[in-house]
Amino acid sequence: MWVSESTSPFVPHTNPLDAKSMGYGYQWWVPKHSNGKSEIIAELGFGGQLLMLVPKYDLIVVFNGWNHHDQLEKSSFRVLVERIIPGIRK
């Protein structure tokens, strides 16, 4: 029960003015969710270090980088959504 609760979008939108903003569970970010169900769950670390879970595909993706002082060249979340997930064979 704790895992399900902590990875659900307890706060559906972190920016009330933007309905597409990330949700937030208990220490987990939920960048993609619909109808209260998490589609992607993420831990956002310092300097571009990310852990993202995609339960639908039993997928865990880790980005280990350091980009603290520079502008991000690519969004890791966008790479996951636009490149990694479409490349999965169903």
PDB file of N, CA and C in Angstrom:
ATOM      1  N   MET A   1       0.817  -1.188   0.000  1.00  0.00           N
ATOM      2  CA  MET A   1       0.000   0.000   0.000  1.00  0.00           C
ATOM      3  C   MET A   1       0.871   1.268   0.000  1.00  0.00           C
ATOM      4  N   TRP A   2       1.967   1.269   0.778  1.00  0.00           N
ATOM      5  CA  TRP A   2       2.808   2.455   0.857  1.00  0.00           C
ATOM      6  C   TRP A   2       3.401   2.803  -0.506  1.00  0.00           C
ATOM      7  N   VAL A   3       3.860   1.799  -1.241  1.00  0.00           N
ATOM      8  CA  VAL A   3       4.458   2.066  -2.551  1.00  0.00           C
ATOM      9  C   VAL A   3       3.426   2.706  -3.471  1.00  0.00           C
ATOM     10  N   SER A   4       2.241   2.163  -3.503  1.00  0.00           N
ATOM     11  CA  SER A   4       1.177   2.716  -4.342  1.00  0.00           C
ATOM     12  C   SER A   4       0.832   4.142  -3.934  1.00  0.00           C
ATOM     13  N   GLU A   5       0.690   4.383  -2.642  1.00  0.00           N
ATOM     14  CA  GLU A   5       0.361   5.722  -2.156  1.00  0.00           C
ATOM     15  C   GLU A   5       1.489   6.718  -2.443  1.00  0.00           C
ATOM     16  N   SER A   6       2.728   6.309  -2.175  1.00  0.00           N
ATOM     17  CA  SER A   6       3.843   7.249  -2.298  1.00  0.00           C
ATOM     18  C   SER A   6       4.167   7.610  -3.735  1.00  0.00           C
ATOM     19  N   THR A   7       3.803   6.762  -4.690  1.00  0.00           N
ATOM     20  CA  THR A   7       4.104   7.034  -6.094  1.00  0.00           C
ATOM     21  C   THR A   7       2.887   7.527  -6.873  1.00  0.00           C
ATOM     22  N   SER A   8       1.826   7.842  -6.175  1.00  0.00           N
ATOM     23  CA  SER A   8       0.633   8.413  -6.812  1.00  0.00           C
ATOM     24  C   SER A   8       0.694   9.937  -6.726  1.00  0.00           C
ATOM     25  N   PRO A   9       0.082  10.633  -7.683  1.00  0.00           N
ATOM     26  CA  PRO A   9       0.105  12.100  -7.651  1.00  0.00           C
ATOM     27  C   PRO A   9      -0.773  12.657  -6.541  1.00  0.00           C
ATOM     28  N   PHE A  10      -0.259  12.625  -5.306  1.00  0.00           N
ATOM     29  CA  PHE A  10      -0.978  13.149  -4.144  1.00  0.00           C
ATOM     30  C   PHE A  10      -1.320  14.629  -4.360  1.00  0.00           C
ATOM     31  N   VAL A  11      -0.353  15.382  -4.883  1.00  0.00           N
ATOM     32  CA  VAL A  11      -0.580  16.761  -5.326  1.00  0.00           C
ATOM     33  C   VAL A  11      -0.581  16.682  -6.854  1.00  0.00           C
ATOM     34  N   PRO A  12      -1.734  16.781  -7.513  1.00  0.00           N
ATOM     35  CA  PRO A  12      -1.797  16.529  -8.957  1.00  0.00           C
ATOM     36  C   PRO A  12      -0.992  17.505  -9.819  1.00  0.00           C
ATOM     37  N   HIS A  13      -0.891  18.752  -9.402  1.00  0.00           N
ATOM     38  CA  HIS A  13      -0.177  19.744 -10.210  1.00  0.00           C
ATOM     39  C   HIS A  13       0.614  20.653  -9.276  1.00  0.00           C
ATOM     40  N   THR A  14       1.923  20.682  -9.453  1.00  0.00           N
ATOM     41  CA  THR A  14       2.751  21.518  -8.586  1.00  0.00           C
ATOM     42  C   THR A  14       2.650  22.987  -8.948  1.00  0.00           C
ATOM     43  N   ASN A  15       2.161  23.273 -10.134  1.00  0.00           N
ATOM     44  CA  ASN A  15       1.920  24.654 -10.550  1.00  0.00           C
ATOM     45  C   ASN A  15       0.431  24.787 -10.854  1.00  0.00           C
ATOM     46  N   PRO A  16      -0.345  25.391  -9.966  1.00  0.00           N
ATOM     47  CA  PRO A  16      -1.797  25.466 -10.166  1.00  0.00           C
ATOM     48  C   PRO A  16      -2.212  26.186 -11.447  1.00  0.00           C
ATOM     49  N   LEU A  17      -1.329  27.019 -12.000  1.00  0.00           N
ATOM     50  CA  LEU A  17      -1.657  27.736 -13.234  1.00  0.00           C
ATOM     51  C   LEU A  17      -1.390  26.904 -14.482  1.00  0.00           C
ATOM     52  N   ASP A  18      -0.768  25.746 -14.315  1.00  0.00           N
ATOM     53  CA  ASP A  18      -0.421  24.894 -15.450  1.00  0.00           C
ATOM     54  C   ASP A  18      -0.910  23.480 -15.169  1.00  0.00           C
ATOM     55  N   ALA A  19      -2.005  23.106 -15.797  1.00  0.00           N
ATOM     56  CA  ALA A  19      -2.612  21.792 -15.557  1.00  0.00           C
ATOM     57  C   ALA A  19      -1.723  20.644 -16.028  1.00  0.00           C
ATOM     58  N   LYS A  20      -0.688  20.935 -16.809  1.00  0.00           N
ATOM     59  CA  LYS A  20       0.216  19.889 -17.283  1.00  0.00           C
ATOM     60  C   LYS A  20       1.478  19.784 -16.428  1.00  0.00           C
ATOM     61  N   SER A  21       1.540  20.540 -15.324  1.00  0.00           N
ATOM     62  CA  SER A  21       2.735  20.483 -14.487  1.00  0.00           C
ATOM     63  C   SER A  21       2.810  19.132 -13.772  1.00  0.00           C
ATOM     64  N   MET A  22       3.992  18.843 -13.243  1.00  0.00           N
ATOM     65  CA  MET A  22       4.228  17.564 -12.574  1.00  0.00           C
ATOM     66  C   MET A  22       3.375  17.397 -11.334  1.00  0.00           C
ATOM     67  N   GLY A  23       2.996  16.158 -11.096  1.00  0.00           N
ATOM     68  CA  GLY A  23       2.368  15.820  -9.838  1.00  0.00           C
ATOM     69  C   GLY A  23       3.443  15.467  -8.833  1.00  0.00           C
ATOM     70  N   TYR A  24       3.047  15.302  -7.582  1.00  0.00           N
ATOM     71  CA  TYR A  24       4.000  14.956  -6.536  1.00  0.00           C
ATOM     72  C   TYR A  24       3.375  13.977  -5.574  1.00  0.00           C
ATOM     73  N   GLY A  25       4.092  12.893  -5.289  1.00  0.00           N
ATOM     74  CA  GLY A  25       3.658  11.923  -4.288  1.00  0.00           C
ATOM     75  C   GLY A  25       4.422  12.196  -3.007  1.00  0.00           C
ATOM     76  N   TYR A  26       4.744  11.155  -2.285  1.00  0.00           N
ATOM     77  CA  TYR A  26       5.548  11.302  -1.073  1.00  0.00           C
ATOM     78  C   TYR A  26       7.001  11.036  -1.441  1.00  0.00           C
ATOM     79  N   GLN A  27       7.733  12.092  -1.747  1.00  0.00           N
ATOM     80  CA  GLN A  27       9.134  12.057  -2.160  1.00  0.00           C
ATOM     81  C   GLN A  27       9.336  11.581  -3.600  1.00  0.00           C
ATOM     82  N   TRP A  28       8.280  11.368  -4.350  1.00  0.00           N
ATOM     83  CA  TRP A  28       8.372  10.979  -5.754  1.00  0.00           C
ATOM     84  C   TRP A  28       7.670  12.028  -6.609  1.00  0.00           C
ATOM     85  N   TRP A  29       8.295  12.399  -7.711  1.00  0.00           N
ATOM     86  CA  TRP A  29       7.654  13.272  -8.695  1.00  0.00           C
ATOM     87  C   TRP A  29       6.898  12.400  -9.674  1.00  0.00           C
ATOM     88  N   VAL A  30       5.788  12.891 -10.166  1.00  0.00           N
ATOM     89  CA  VAL A  30       4.961  12.132 -11.101  1.00  0.00           C
ATOM     90  C   VAL A  30       4.756  13.002 -12.348  1.00  0.00           C
ATOM     91  N   PRO A  31       5.770  13.025 -13.261  1.00  0.00           N
ATOM     92  CA  PRO A  31       5.698  13.929 -14.402  1.00  0.00           C
ATOM     93  C   PRO A  31       4.626  13.578 -15.420  1.00  0.00           C
ATOM     94  N   LYS A  32       4.181  12.324 -15.448  1.00  0.00           N
ATOM     95  CA  LYS A  32       3.110  11.975 -16.369  1.00  0.00           C
ATOM     96  C   LYS A  32       2.096  11.121 -15.624  1.00  0.00           C
ATOM     97  N   HIS A  33       0.858  11.632 -15.588  1.00  0.00           N
ATOM     98  CA  HIS A  33      -0.202  10.913 -14.900  1.00  0.00           C
ATOM     99  C   HIS A  33      -1.533  11.336 -15.498  1.00  0.00           C
ATOM    100  N   SER A  34      -2.527  10.481 -15.349  1.00  0.00           N
ATOM    101  CA  SER A  34      -3.875  10.835 -15.796  1.00  0.00           C
ATOM    102  C   SER A  34      -4.884  10.128 -14.903  1.00  0.00           C
ATOM    103  N   ASN A  35      -5.945  10.837 -14.587  1.00  0.00           N
ATOM    104  CA  ASN A  35      -7.015  10.310 -13.732  1.00  0.00           C
ATOM    105  C   ASN A  35      -6.490   9.724 -12.425  1.00  0.00           C
ATOM    106  N   GLY A  36      -5.476  10.390 -11.849  1.00  0.00           N
ATOM    107  CA  GLY A  36      -4.932   9.936 -10.573  1.00  0.00           C
ATOM    108  C   GLY A  36      -4.020   8.736 -10.660  1.00  0.00           C
ATOM    109  N   LYS A  37      -3.726   8.262 -11.878  1.00  0.00           N
ATOM    110  CA  LYS A  37      -2.867   7.097 -12.057  1.00  0.00           C
ATOM    111  C   LYS A  37      -1.508   7.533 -12.611  1.00  0.00           C
ATOM    112  N   SER A  38      -0.449   7.068 -11.982  1.00  0.00           N
ATOM    113  CA  SER A  38       0.903   7.427 -12.396  1.00  0.00           C
ATOM    114  C   SER A  38       1.324   6.616 -13.608  1.00  0.00           C
ATOM    115  N   GLU A  39       1.812   7.301 -14.639  1.00  0.00           N
ATOM    116  CA  GLU A  39       2.342   6.615 -15.810  1.00  0.00           C
ATOM    117  C   GLU A  39       3.867   6.611 -15.788  1.00  0.00           C
ATOM    118  N   ILE A  40       4.446   7.673 -15.245  1.00  0.00           N
ATOM    119  CA  ILE A  40       5.889   7.765 -15.049  1.00  0.00           C
ATOM    120  C   ILE A  40       6.116   8.314 -13.647  1.00  0.00           C
ATOM    121  N   ILE A  41       7.075   7.720 -12.946  1.00  0.00           N
ATOM    122  CA  ILE A  41       7.407   8.119 -11.583  1.00  0.00           C
ATOM    123  C   ILE A  41       8.891   8.467 -11.578  1.00  0.00           C
ATOM    124  N   ALA A  42       9.280   9.539 -10.894  1.00  0.00           N
ATOM    125  CA  ALA A  42      10.674   9.965 -10.978  1.00  0.00           C
ATOM    126  C   ALA A  42      11.216  10.470  -9.649  1.00  0.00           C
ATOM    127  N   GLU A  43      12.493  10.240  -9.447  1.00  0.00           N
ATOM    128  CA  GLU A  43      13.278  10.878  -8.401  1.00  0.00           C
ATOM    129  C   GLU A  43      14.207  11.824  -9.136  1.00  0.00           C
ATOM    130  N   LEU A  44      14.180  13.086  -8.785  1.00  0.00           N
ATOM    131  CA  LEU A  44      14.997  14.090  -9.460  1.00  0.00           C
ATOM    132  C   LEU A  44      16.158  14.455  -8.550  1.00  0.00           C
ATOM    133  N   GLY A  45      17.373  14.122  -9.002  1.00  0.00           N
ATOM    134  CA  GLY A  45      18.557  14.378  -8.196  1.00  0.00           C
ATOM    135  C   GLY A  45      19.263  15.653  -8.606  1.00  0.00           C
ATOM    136  N   PHE A  46      20.352  15.909  -7.955  1.00  0.00           N
ATOM    137  CA  PHE A  46      21.147  17.108  -8.161  1.00  0.00           C
ATOM    138  C   PHE A  46      22.001  16.972  -9.421  1.00  0.00           C
ATOM    139  N   GLY A  47      22.001  17.980 -10.263  1.00  0.00           N
ATOM    140  CA  GLY A  47      22.888  18.004 -11.423  1.00  0.00           C
ATOM    141  C   GLY A  47      22.489  17.067 -12.545  1.00  0.00           C
ATOM    142  N   GLY A  48      21.219  16.785 -12.707  1.00  0.00           N
ATOM    143  CA  GLY A  48      20.775  15.947 -13.822  1.00  0.00           C
ATOM    144  C   GLY A  48      20.738  14.467 -13.522  1.00  0.00           C
ATOM    145  N   GLN A  49      20.883  14.084 -12.276  1.00  0.00           N
ATOM    146  CA  GLN A  49      20.786  12.674 -11.906  1.00  0.00           C
ATOM    147  C   GLN A  49      19.317  12.336 -11.693  1.00  0.00           C
ATOM    148  N   LEU A  50      18.845  11.373 -12.460  1.00  0.00           N
ATOM    149  CA  LEU A  50      17.423  11.033 -12.432  1.00  0.00           C
ATOM    150  C   LEU A  50      17.217   9.530 -12.377  1.00  0.00           C
ATOM    151  N   LEU A  51      16.170   9.132 -11.698  1.00  0.00           N
ATOM    152  CA  LEU A  51      15.699   7.762 -11.694  1.00  0.00           C
ATOM    153  C   LEU A  51      14.245   7.848 -12.119  1.00  0.00           C
ATOM    154  N   MET A  52      13.893   7.185 -13.224  1.00  0.00           N
ATOM    155  CA  MET A  52      12.511   7.220 -13.698  1.00  0.00           C
ATOM    156  C   MET A  52      11.997   5.794 -13.857  1.00  0.00           C
ATOM    157  N   LEU A  53      10.769   5.591 -13.416  1.00  0.00           N
ATOM    158  CA  LEU A  53      10.117   4.294 -13.489  1.00  0.00           C
ATOM    159  C   LEU A  53       8.908   4.402 -14.405  1.00  0.00           C
ATOM    160  N   VAL A  54       8.760   3.419 -15.275  1.00  0.00           N
ATOM    161  CA  VAL A  54       7.601   3.360 -16.167  1.00  0.00           C
ATOM    162  C   VAL A  54       6.943   1.996 -15.928  1.00  0.00           C
ATOM    163  N   PRO A  55       5.995   1.933 -14.975  1.00  0.00           N
ATOM    164  CA  PRO A  55       5.405   0.651 -14.595  1.00  0.00           C
ATOM    165  C   PRO A  55       4.796  -0.132 -15.756  1.00  0.00           C
ATOM    166  N   LYS A  56       4.176   0.548 -16.698  1.00  0.00           N
ATOM    167  CA  LYS A  56       3.521  -0.145 -17.821  1.00  0.00           C
ATOM    168  C   LYS A  56       4.483  -1.050 -18.570  1.00  0.00           C
ATOM    169  N   TYR A  57       5.751  -0.664 -18.646  1.00  0.00           N
ATOM    170  CA  TYR A  57       6.745  -1.439 -19.394  1.00  0.00           C
ATOM    171  C   TYR A  57       7.759  -2.135 -18.491  1.00  0.00           C
ATOM    172  N   ASP A  58       7.518  -2.152 -17.162  1.00  0.00           N
ATOM    173  CA  ASP A  58       8.493  -2.707 -16.217  1.00  0.00           C
ATOM    174  C   ASP A  58       9.873  -2.120 -16.496  1.00  0.00           C
ATOM    175  N   LEU A  59       9.923  -0.812 -16.669  1.00  0.00           N
ATOM    176  CA  LEU A  59      11.136  -0.122 -17.095  1.00  0.00           C
ATOM    177  C   LEU A  59      11.666   0.797 -16.005  1.00  0.00           C
ATOM    178  N   ILE A  60      12.966   0.717 -15.768  1.00  0.00           N
ATOM    179  CA  ILE A  60      13.673   1.629 -14.876  1.00  0.00           C
ATOM    180  C   ILE A  60      14.764   2.290 -15.706  1.00  0.00           C
ATOM    181  N   VAL A  61      14.800   3.620 -15.700  1.00  0.00           N
ATOM    182  CA  VAL A  61      15.792   4.369 -16.469  1.00  0.00           C
ATOM    183  C   VAL A  61      16.571   5.254 -15.500  1.00  0.00           C
ATOM    184  N   VAL A  62      17.890   5.201 -15.608  1.00  0.00           N
ATOM    185  CA  VAL A  62      18.752   6.020 -14.761  1.00  0.00           C
ATOM    186  C   VAL A  62      19.574   6.939 -15.654  1.00  0.00           C
ATOM    187  N   PHE A  63      19.535   8.225 -15.361  1.00  0.00           N
ATOM    188  CA  PHE A  63      20.384   9.205 -16.022  1.00  0.00           C
ATOM    189  C   PHE A  63      21.363   9.702 -14.967  1.00  0.00           C
ATOM    190  N   ASN A  64      22.630   9.532 -15.236  1.00  0.00           N
ATOM    191  CA  ASN A  64      23.650   9.969 -14.290  1.00  0.00           C
ATOM    192  C   ASN A  64      24.498  11.023 -14.982  1.00  0.00           C
ATOM    193  N   GLY A  65      24.299  12.252 -14.629  1.00  0.00           N
ATOM    194  CA  GLY A  65      25.020  13.325 -15.297  1.00  0.00           C
ATOM    195  C   GLY A  65      25.347  14.442 -14.335  1.00  0.00           C
ATOM    196  N   TRP A  66      26.028  15.411 -14.840  1.00  0.00           N
ATOM    197  CA  TRP A  66      26.350  16.575 -14.037  1.00  0.00           C
ATOM    198  C   TRP A  66      26.161  17.795 -14.914  1.00  0.00           C
ATOM    199  N   ASN A  67      25.177  18.580 -14.634  1.00  0.00           N
ATOM    200  CA  ASN A  67      24.877  19.742 -15.457  1.00  0.00           C
ATOM    201  C   ASN A  67      24.385  20.863 -14.560  1.00  0.00           C
ATOM    202  N   HIS A  68      25.064  21.052 -13.463  1.00  0.00           N
ATOM    203  CA  HIS A  68      24.585  21.989 -12.454  1.00  0.00           C
ATOM    204  C   HIS A  68      24.662  23.449 -12.904  1.00  0.00           C
ATOM    205  N   HIS A  69      25.742  23.827 -13.569  1.00  0.00           N
ATOM    206  CA  HIS A  69      25.942  25.231 -13.904  1.00  0.00           C
ATOM    207  C   HIS A  69      25.565  25.588 -15.339  1.00  0.00           C
ATOM    208  N   ASP A  70      25.347  24.605 -16.182  1.00  0.00           N
ATOM    209  CA  ASP A  70      25.056  24.856 -17.587  1.00  0.00           C
ATOM    210  C   ASP A  70      23.575  24.653 -17.885  1.00  0.00           C
ATOM    211  N   GLN A  71      23.143  25.227 -18.978  1.00  0.00           N
ATOM    212  CA  GLN A  71      21.781  25.002 -19.458  1.00  0.00           C
ATOM    213  C   GLN A  71      21.671  23.555 -19.935  1.00  0.00           C
ATOM    214  N   LEU A  72      20.573  22.907 -19.643  1.00  0.00           N
ATOM    215  CA  LEU A  72      20.380  21.535 -20.106  1.00  0.00           C
ATOM    216  C   LEU A  72      20.406  21.466 -21.625  1.00  0.00           C
ATOM    217  N   GLU A  73      21.171  20.530 -22.142  1.00  0.00           N
ATOM    218  CA  GLU A  73      21.215  20.345 -23.592  1.00  0.00           C
ATOM    219  C   GLU A  73      19.973  19.594 -24.061  1.00  0.00           C
ATOM    220  N   LYS A  74      19.593  18.585 -23.296  1.00  0.00           N
ATOM    221  CA  LYS A  74      18.405  17.803 -23.621  1.00  0.00           C
ATOM    222  C   LYS A  74      17.677  17.487 -22.325  1.00  0.00           C
ATOM    223  N   SER A  75      16.381  17.479 -22.382  1.00  0.00           N
ATOM    224  CA  SER A  75      15.579  17.089 -21.232  1.00  0.00           C
ATOM    225  C   SER A  75      15.571  15.569 -21.130  1.00  0.00           C
ATOM    226  N   SER A  76      16.010  15.037 -20.001  1.00  0.00           N
ATOM    227  CA  SER A  76      16.026  13.588 -19.802  1.00  0.00           C
ATOM    228  C   SER A  76      14.616  13.015 -19.886  1.00  0.00           C
ATOM    229  N   PHE A  77      13.653  13.743 -19.346  1.00  0.00           N
ATOM    230  CA  PHE A  77      12.266  13.294 -19.420  1.00  0.00           C
ATOM    231  C   PHE A  77      11.810  13.211 -20.874  1.00  0.00           C
ATOM    232  N   ARG A  78      12.184  14.215 -21.679  1.00  0.00           N
ATOM    233  CA  ARG A  78      11.810  14.210 -23.100  1.00  0.00           C
ATOM    234  C   ARG A  78      12.477  13.045 -23.831  1.00  0.00           C
ATOM    235  N   VAL A  79      13.737  12.749 -23.499  1.00  0.00           N
ATOM    236  CA  VAL A  79      14.431  11.606 -24.109  1.00  0.00           C
ATOM    237  C   VAL A  79      13.687  10.317 -23.772  1.00  0.00           C
ATOM    238  N   LEU A  80      13.257  10.174 -22.528  1.00  0.00           N
ATOM    239  CA  LEU A  80      12.504   8.990 -22.129  1.00  0.00           C
ATOM    240  C   LEU A  80      11.217   8.859 -22.938  1.00  0.00           C
ATOM    241  N   VAL A  81      10.449   9.955 -22.999  1.00  0.00           N
ATOM    242  CA  VAL A  81       9.134   9.923 -23.657  1.00  0.00           C
ATOM    243  C   VAL A  81       9.242   9.822 -25.178  1.00  0.00           C
ATOM    244  N   GLU A  82      10.197  10.539 -25.769  1.00  0.00           N
ATOM    245  CA  GLU A  82      10.266  10.606 -27.235  1.00  0.00           C
ATOM    246  C   GLU A  82      11.157   9.544 -27.872  1.00  0.00           C
ATOM    247  N   ARG A  83      12.096   8.977 -27.112  1.00  0.00           N
ATOM    248  CA  ARG A  83      13.036   8.034 -27.727  1.00  0.00           C
ATOM    249  C   ARG A  83      13.025   6.645 -27.100  1.00  0.00           C
ATOM    250  N   ILE A  84      13.113   6.578 -25.784  1.00  0.00           N
ATOM    251  CA  ILE A  84      13.236   5.271 -25.141  1.00  0.00           C
ATOM    252  C   ILE A  84      11.916   4.499 -25.186  1.00  0.00           C
ATOM    253  N   ILE A  85      10.830   5.107 -24.717  1.00  0.00           N
ATOM    254  CA  ILE A  85       9.543   4.395 -24.699  1.00  0.00           C
ATOM    255  C   ILE A  85       9.092   3.996 -26.103  1.00  0.00           C
ATOM    256  N   PRO A  86       9.170   4.873 -27.126  1.00  0.00           N
ATOM    257  CA  PRO A  86       8.773   4.424 -28.463  1.00  0.00           C
ATOM    258  C   PRO A  86       9.646   3.300 -29.006  1.00  0.00           C
ATOM    259  N   GLY A  87      10.865   3.154 -28.491  1.00  0.00           N
ATOM    260  CA  GLY A  87      11.757   2.099 -28.973  1.00  0.00           C
ATOM    261  C   GLY A  87      11.510   0.743 -28.334  1.00  0.00           C
ATOM    262  N   ILE A  88      10.615   0.676 -27.356  1.00  0.00           N
ATOM    263  CA  ILE A  88      10.316  -0.582 -26.695  1.00  0.00           C
ATOM    264  C   ILE A  88       9.388  -1.401 -27.577  1.00  0.00           C
ATOM    265  N   ARG A  89       9.741  -2.632 -27.774  1.00  0.00           N
ATOM    266  CA  ARG A  89       8.862  -3.530 -28.543  1.00  0.00           C
ATOM    267  C   ARG A  89       7.811  -4.089 -27.618  1.00  0.00           C
ATOM    268  N   LYS A  90       6.585  -3.981 -28.016  1.00  0.00           N
ATOM    269  CA  LYS A  90       5.475  -4.431 -27.161  1.00  0.00           C
ATOM    270  C   LYS A  90       5.132  -5.872 -27.439  1.00  0.00           C
TER     271      LYS A  90
END
